[in-house]
Protein backbone atom coordinates (compact mmCIF):
# COMPACT_ATOMS: atom_id res chain seq x y z
CA MET A 1 -29.04 12.09 -25.01
CA GLN A 2 -27.14 8.94 -24.10
CA ALA A 3 -23.92 8.91 -22.11
CA GLN A 4 -21.24 6.33 -21.49
CA THR A 5 -18.36 6.74 -19.07
CA HIS A 6 -14.66 6.24 -19.72
CA LYS A 7 -12.70 4.26 -17.10
CA ARG A 8 -10.66 7.36 -16.24
CA TYR A 9 -13.89 9.31 -15.59
CA ASN A 10 -15.04 6.52 -13.26
CA ALA A 11 -11.76 6.63 -11.31
CA MET A 12 -11.91 10.42 -10.98
CA TRP A 13 -15.60 10.27 -9.97
CA ALA A 14 -14.75 7.90 -7.12
CA LYS A 15 -12.29 10.46 -5.71
CA LEU A 16 -14.88 13.26 -5.54
CA ASP A 17 -16.51 14.00 -2.21
CA ARG A 18 -20.27 13.52 -1.83
CA LYS A 19 -21.09 17.21 -2.37
CA GLN A 20 -19.10 17.26 -5.61
CA GLN A 21 -20.75 14.05 -6.81
CA LEU A 22 -24.18 15.60 -6.22
CA GLN A 23 -23.15 18.70 -8.19
CA VAL A 24 -21.94 16.54 -11.07
CA MET A 25 -25.15 14.48 -11.09
CA ALA A 26 -27.27 17.65 -11.14
CA ALA A 27 -25.25 19.14 -14.01
CA LEU A 28 -25.45 15.90 -16.01
CA LYS A 29 -29.20 15.68 -15.47
CA LEU A 30 -29.57 19.20 -16.84
CA PHE A 31 -27.19 18.43 -19.72
CA MET A 32 -29.13 15.29 -20.69
CA THR A 33 -32.36 17.27 -21.00
CA ASN A 34 -31.08 20.58 -22.39
CA GLN A 35 -27.61 20.97 -23.89
CA ASN A 36 -28.18 24.68 -24.53
CA LYS A 37 -28.33 25.83 -20.90
CA LYS A 38 -25.97 28.79 -20.49
CA GLN A 39 -25.22 27.88 -16.87
CA LEU A 40 -23.42 24.74 -18.10
CA ARG A 41 -20.95 26.89 -20.06
CA ILE A 42 -20.37 24.18 -22.67
CA HIS A 43 -17.46 24.82 -25.00
CA GLN A 44 -15.06 22.86 -27.16
CA LEU A 45 -11.56 22.48 -25.78
CA LYS A 46 -8.30 23.25 -27.52
CA GLY A 47 -4.81 21.82 -27.31
CA LYS A 48 -4.28 18.37 -25.83
CA TYR A 49 -7.98 17.94 -25.01
CA TYR A 50 -9.27 18.74 -28.52
CA PRO A 51 -11.88 17.59 -29.75
CA GLN A 52 -13.44 17.15 -26.31
CA TYR A 53 -15.95 19.55 -24.78
CA SER A 54 -16.14 20.89 -21.24
CA LEU A 55 -19.17 21.69 -19.15
CA SER A 56 -19.38 23.33 -15.76
CA ALA A 57 -20.82 21.34 -12.88
CA GLY A 58 -20.82 24.39 -10.63
CA ASP A 59 -18.17 26.11 -8.57
CA ASP A 60 -14.83 24.78 -9.77
CA LEU A 61 -15.99 21.41 -11.17
CA ARG A 62 -15.68 20.51 -14.83
CA ILE A 63 -16.78 17.52 -16.88
CA HIS A 64 -15.01 16.69 -20.14
CA PHE A 65 -16.94 14.74 -22.73
CA LEU A 66 -16.52 13.57 -26.29
CA GLU A 67 -19.43 13.62 -28.70
CA ILE A 68 -19.27 10.36 -30.65
CA LYS A 69 -22.65 10.63 -32.40
CA LYS A 70 -25.50 13.06 -32.38
CA ASN A 71 -27.11 12.62 -28.95
CA LYS A 72 -24.40 10.22 -27.73
CA VAL A 73 -21.41 11.23 -25.60
CA VAL A 74 -18.62 9.61 -23.62
CA LEU A 75 -17.82 11.25 -20.29
CA MET A 76 -14.03 11.39 -20.28
CA LEU A 77 -12.84 13.30 -17.19
CA VAL A 78 -14.29 14.99 -14.11
CA GLY A 79 -12.61 17.16 -11.50
CA THR A 80 -11.69 20.65 -10.42
CA HIS A 81 -10.17 23.11 -12.82
CA ASP A 82 -6.74 22.58 -11.23
CA GLN A 83 -7.03 18.80 -11.42
CA LEU A 84 -7.87 18.90 -15.11
CA TYR A 85 -5.68 21.75 -16.31
CA GLY A 86 -3.07 22.29 -13.59
């Protein structure tokens, strides 16, 4: 799996505290090696975020990504549930 980051993802990443950044890195490491892990709770989004997917980075953190090719994604957004949906 290859991943690129969108500029908005990078800006949101910079605003996370260190603990959140570590949670995101751990979730992405798991995602890159096994996209079928149930703990990631990967699902396709609806509405304004369609056709993006969301994965859980633990607690209240979510990562939105867009699959552009098989085994290639762009990380679009990262933040708490309220930041992304509220």
